[in-house]
Amino acid sequence: MMDTKFDHKDYLQYPKKYELFKTAVLHSTIINENGSVPFNTCVGLTFVDHVWSDFYKSTLPLYALSTGDYCFGCTLKDFVL
């Protein structure tokens, strides 16, 4: 399978598309209070909002994950509707 990383240009052009995605794969490991969720884990997505990130200096989609974590779209890959 070819990795399809988050494309910020595509997001800026089609932000509504990013509200529809239901699953994706973690592009990086998430560290949380229960331990961690390793990269390449497939997760369910619930779109939360388009949020400005001071860290990334841009607006990004924010998702609630099926793991109980939250993350920006740029930390995901292989999105599926």
C-alpha atoms as a PDB file:
ATOM      1  CA  MET A   1       0.000   0.000   0.000  1.00  0.00           C
ATOM      2  CA  MET A   2       1.288   3.446  -0.888  1.00  0.00           C
ATOM      3  CA  ASP A   3       1.325   5.955   1.979  1.00  0.00           C
ATOM      4  CA  THR A   4      -0.834   8.974   1.284  1.00  0.00           C
ATOM      5  CA  LYS A   5       0.280  11.648   3.727  1.00  0.00           C
ATOM      6  CA  PHE A   6      -1.823  14.654   4.701  1.00  0.00           C
ATOM      7  CA  ASP A   7      -1.669  17.258   1.919  1.00  0.00           C
ATOM      8  CA  HIS A   8      -2.124  20.768   3.333  1.00  0.00           C
ATOM      9  CA  LYS A   9      -2.665  22.308  -0.129  1.00  0.00           C
ATOM     10  CA  ASP A  10      -5.486  19.830  -0.789  1.00  0.00           C
ATOM     11  CA  TYR A  11      -6.948  20.596   2.633  1.00  0.00           C
ATOM     12  CA  LEU A  12      -6.947  24.348   1.932  1.00  0.00           C
ATOM     13  CA  GLN A  13      -8.637  23.785  -1.430  1.00  0.00           C
ATOM     14  CA  TYR A  14     -11.208  21.207  -0.207  1.00  0.00           C
ATOM     15  CA  PRO A  15     -11.673  21.656   3.575  1.00  0.00           C
ATOM     16  CA  LYS A  16     -15.178  20.117   3.575  1.00  0.00           C
ATOM     17  CA  LYS A  17     -13.725  16.823   2.262  1.00  0.00           C
ATOM     18  CA  TYR A  18     -11.715  16.529   5.478  1.00  0.00           C
ATOM     19  CA  GLU A  19     -14.932  16.674   7.520  1.00  0.00           C
ATOM     20  CA  LEU A  20     -16.144  13.453   5.842  1.00  0.00           C
ATOM     21  CA  PHE A  21     -13.242  11.075   6.512  1.00  0.00           C
ATOM     22  CA  LYS A  22     -14.099   8.166   8.830  1.00  0.00           C
ATOM     23  CA  THR A  23     -10.785   6.298   9.148  1.00  0.00           C
ATOM     24  CA  ALA A  24      -7.073   6.971   8.766  1.00  0.00           C
ATOM     25  CA  VAL A  25      -3.689   5.588   9.798  1.00  0.00           C
ATOM     26  CA  LEU A  26      -1.439   7.277  12.364  1.00  0.00           C
ATOM     27  CA  HIS A  27       1.601   8.848  10.713  1.00  0.00           C
ATOM     28  CA  SER A  28       3.311   9.110  14.116  1.00  0.00           C
ATOM     29  CA  THR A  29       3.020   7.523  17.552  1.00  0.00           C
ATOM     30  CA  ILE A  30       0.647   9.146  20.048  1.00  0.00           C
ATOM     31  CA  ILE A  31       1.791   9.253  23.672  1.00  0.00           C
ATOM     32  CA  ASN A  32      -1.081   9.453  26.163  1.00  0.00           C
ATOM     33  CA  GLU A  33      -1.809   8.779  29.858  1.00  0.00           C
ATOM     34  CA  ASN A  34      -2.486   5.091  29.117  1.00  0.00           C
ATOM     35  CA  GLY A  35       0.808   4.557  27.306  1.00  0.00           C
ATOM     36  CA  SER A  36       0.917   5.022  23.550  1.00  0.00           C
ATOM     37  CA  VAL A  37      -0.743   4.246  20.235  1.00  0.00           C
ATOM     38  CA  PRO A  38       1.926   3.197  17.721  1.00  0.00           C
ATOM     39  CA  PHE A  39       2.333   4.722  14.266  1.00  0.00           C
ATOM     40  CA  ASN A  40       0.641   2.804  11.429  1.00  0.00           C
ATOM     41  CA  THR A  41      -2.368   2.028  13.681  1.00  0.00           C
ATOM     42  CA  CYS A  42      -5.686   2.336  11.823  1.00  0.00           C
ATOM     43  CA  VAL A  43      -8.065   4.612  13.782  1.00  0.00           C
ATOM     44  CA  GLY A  44     -11.672   5.734  13.479  1.00  0.00           C
ATOM     45  CA  LEU A  45     -12.155   9.489  13.035  1.00  0.00           C
ATOM     46  CA  THR A  46     -14.780  11.984  14.134  1.00  0.00           C
ATOM     47  CA  PHE A  47     -14.225  15.470  12.743  1.00  0.00           C
ATOM     48  CA  VAL A  48     -14.219  18.099  15.521  1.00  0.00           C
ATOM     49  CA  ASP A  49     -13.440  21.449  13.844  1.00  0.00           C
ATOM     50  CA  HIS A  50     -11.011  23.442  11.710  1.00  0.00           C
ATOM     51  CA  VAL A  51      -8.553  24.754  14.318  1.00  0.00           C
ATOM     52  CA  TRP A  52      -5.613  27.161  14.191  1.00  0.00           C
ATOM     53  CA  SER A  53      -2.408  25.535  15.483  1.00  0.00           C
ATOM     54  CA  ASP A  54       0.293  27.830  16.840  1.00  0.00           C
ATOM     55  CA  PHE A  55       2.714  24.902  16.626  1.00  0.00           C
ATOM     56  CA  TYR A  56       2.074  24.243  12.909  1.00  0.00           C
ATOM     57  CA  LYS A  57       1.307  27.939  12.130  1.00  0.00           C
ATOM     58  CA  SER A  58      -1.776  27.003  10.103  1.00  0.00           C
ATOM     59  CA  THR A  59      -5.409  25.952  10.318  1.00  0.00           C
ATOM     60  CA  LEU A  60      -5.826  22.180  10.360  1.00  0.00           C
ATOM     61  CA  PRO A  61      -8.645  19.679  10.796  1.00  0.00           C
ATOM     62  CA  LEU A  62      -8.907  18.366  14.355  1.00  0.00           C
ATOM     63  CA  TYR A  63     -10.191  14.815  14.888  1.00  0.00           C
ATOM     64  CA  ALA A  64     -11.375  12.762  17.854  1.00  0.00           C
ATOM     65  CA  LEU A  65      -9.907   9.291  17.408  1.00  0.00           C
ATOM     66  CA  SER A  66     -11.454   5.940  18.273  1.00  0.00           C
ATOM     67  CA  THR A  67      -8.560   5.537  20.753  1.00  0.00           C
ATOM     68  CA  GLY A  68      -9.915   8.439  22.856  1.00  0.00           C
ATOM     69  CA  ASP A  69      -7.149  10.773  21.683  1.00  0.00           C
ATOM     70  CA  TYR A  70      -7.374  13.960  19.618  1.00  0.00           C
ATOM     71  CA  CYS A  71      -5.015  14.906  16.807  1.00  0.00           C
ATOM     72  CA  PHE A  72      -4.563  17.211  13.850  1.00  0.00           C
ATOM     73  CA  GLY A  73      -4.948  15.843  10.337  1.00  0.00           C
ATOM     74  CA  CYS A  74      -1.259  16.372   9.606  1.00  0.00           C
ATOM     75  CA  THR A  75      -0.422  13.501  11.988  1.00  0.00           C
ATOM     76  CA  LEU A  76      -2.540  11.086   9.912  1.00  0.00           C
ATOM     77  CA  LYS A  77      -2.239   9.386   6.532  1.00  0.00           C
ATOM     78  CA  ASP A  78      -4.260   7.096   4.242  1.00  0.00           C
ATOM     79  CA  PHE A  79      -7.623   8.809   4.877  1.00  0.00           C
ATOM     80  CA  VAL A  80     -10.775   6.887   3.905  1.00  0.00           C
ATOM     81  CA  LEU A  81     -14.348   8.153   3.593  1.00  0.00           C
END
